[in-house]
Protein backbone atom coordinates (compact mmCIF):
# COMPACT_ATOMS: atom_id res chain seq x y z
CA TYR A 1 99.24 94.15 118.00
CA GLY A 2 102.68 94.52 116.55
CA SER A 3 105.97 94.74 118.35
CA VAL A 4 108.57 97.14 119.71
CA GLN A 5 110.55 96.55 116.50
CA GLU A 6 107.58 97.81 114.47
CA TRP A 7 107.22 100.85 116.71
CA VAL A 8 110.91 101.73 116.30
CA CYS A 9 111.26 100.61 112.66
CA GLN A 10 108.00 101.69 111.03
CA GLY A 11 108.89 99.92 107.77
CA ARG A 12 108.47 96.56 109.52
CA LYS A 13 104.72 97.15 109.64
CA SER A 14 104.38 96.61 105.92
CA TRP A 15 106.84 93.68 106.10
CA ARG A 16 104.68 91.96 108.75
CA LYS A 17 101.52 92.38 106.68
CA VAL A 18 103.21 90.82 103.66
CA GLU A 19 104.62 87.97 105.77
CA ASN A 20 101.18 87.28 107.25
CA PHE A 21 99.75 87.11 103.72
CA LYS A 22 102.47 84.60 102.77
CA LEU A 23 101.49 82.51 105.81
CA LEU A 24 97.85 82.61 104.71
CA LEU A 25 98.81 81.45 101.21
CA SER A 26 100.98 78.65 102.57
CA SER A 27 98.06 77.36 104.66
CA LEU A 28 95.87 76.85 101.58
CA PRO A 29 95.91 73.69 99.47
CA PRO A 30 98.36 74.13 96.56
CA ASP A 31 95.61 73.72 93.98
CA ALA A 32 93.31 76.27 95.64
CA ALA A 33 92.37 78.93 93.11
CA ARG A 34 91.77 82.00 95.25
CA ARG A 35 91.67 85.74 94.51
CA PHE A 36 92.26 88.26 97.29
CA VAL A 37 91.51 91.94 97.81
CA PHE A 38 93.65 93.81 100.34
CA VAL A 39 91.82 96.54 102.28
CA GLY A 40 93.81 98.97 104.39
CA ASP A 41 94.26 102.63 105.16
CA THR A 42 96.75 105.34 104.32
CA GLY A 43 98.06 105.60 107.87
CA GLU A 44 100.09 102.41 108.55
CA LEU A 45 102.03 101.57 105.37
CA ASP A 46 99.11 99.50 104.04
CA GLN A 47 99.58 100.96 100.57
CA GLU A 48 103.19 99.77 100.47
CA ALA A 49 102.23 96.31 101.77
CA GLY A 50 99.38 95.97 99.28
CA GLU A 51 101.58 97.03 96.38
CA ILE A 52 104.21 94.44 97.37
CA MET A 53 101.51 91.75 97.49
CA LEU A 54 100.19 92.78 94.07
CA GLU A 55 103.71 92.66 92.61
CA GLU A 56 104.79 89.38 94.26
CA PHE A 57 101.50 87.48 93.90
CA PRO A 58 99.82 88.72 90.71
CA SER A 59 97.98 85.42 90.18
CA CYS A 60 96.01 85.66 93.43
CA MET A 61 95.83 89.39 94.26
CA GLN A 62 92.85 91.11 92.67
CA ALA A 63 93.04 94.66 94.07
CA LEU A 64 94.10 97.04 96.82
CA PHE A 65 91.57 99.41 98.39
CA LEU A 66 92.59 102.14 100.83
CA HIS A 67 90.55 104.10 103.33
CA VAL A 68 92.07 107.58 103.35
CA VAL A 69 92.88 108.91 106.81
CA ALA A 70 94.12 112.42 107.53
CA PRO A 71 97.69 112.54 108.89
CA ASP A 72 96.71 115.79 110.58
CA PRO A 73 93.18 116.61 111.83
CA ALA A 74 93.55 120.04 110.23
CA LEU A 75 93.75 118.36 106.80
CA VAL A 76 90.11 117.55 106.27
CA PRO A 77 89.40 116.22 103.76
CA ALA A 78 92.61 114.20 103.64
CA PRO A 79 94.57 114.24 100.38
CA LEU A 80 93.77 111.26 98.15
CA PRO A 81 96.57 109.06 96.82
CA ARG A 82 96.76 108.75 93.03
CA ASP A 83 95.22 105.71 91.37
CA LYS A 84 97.72 103.12 90.12
CA LEU A 85 97.72 100.01 88.01
CA ILE A 86 100.08 97.29 89.21
CA ASN A 87 100.32 94.19 87.03
CA GLY A 88 97.14 95.39 85.35
CA ALA A 89 95.17 95.13 88.62
């Protein structure tokens, strides 16, 4: 899953997730009223990808939920990211 580009350029991981979401949206009928929740973790730029989706697609993104993973096994429990409101979501 992924590519050499994503391994070398870590920022592409969030880009790919956003692009895949755009593909999903484009596959739906234009009049489809859908609301989505993005679920990810704190280890692979999922927070960044989810925030981009919330900002770019406020009419169909409901929320972003993150599973917190420890960047270092010695950091247990892992530090929690701060709560945010983006577009009121």
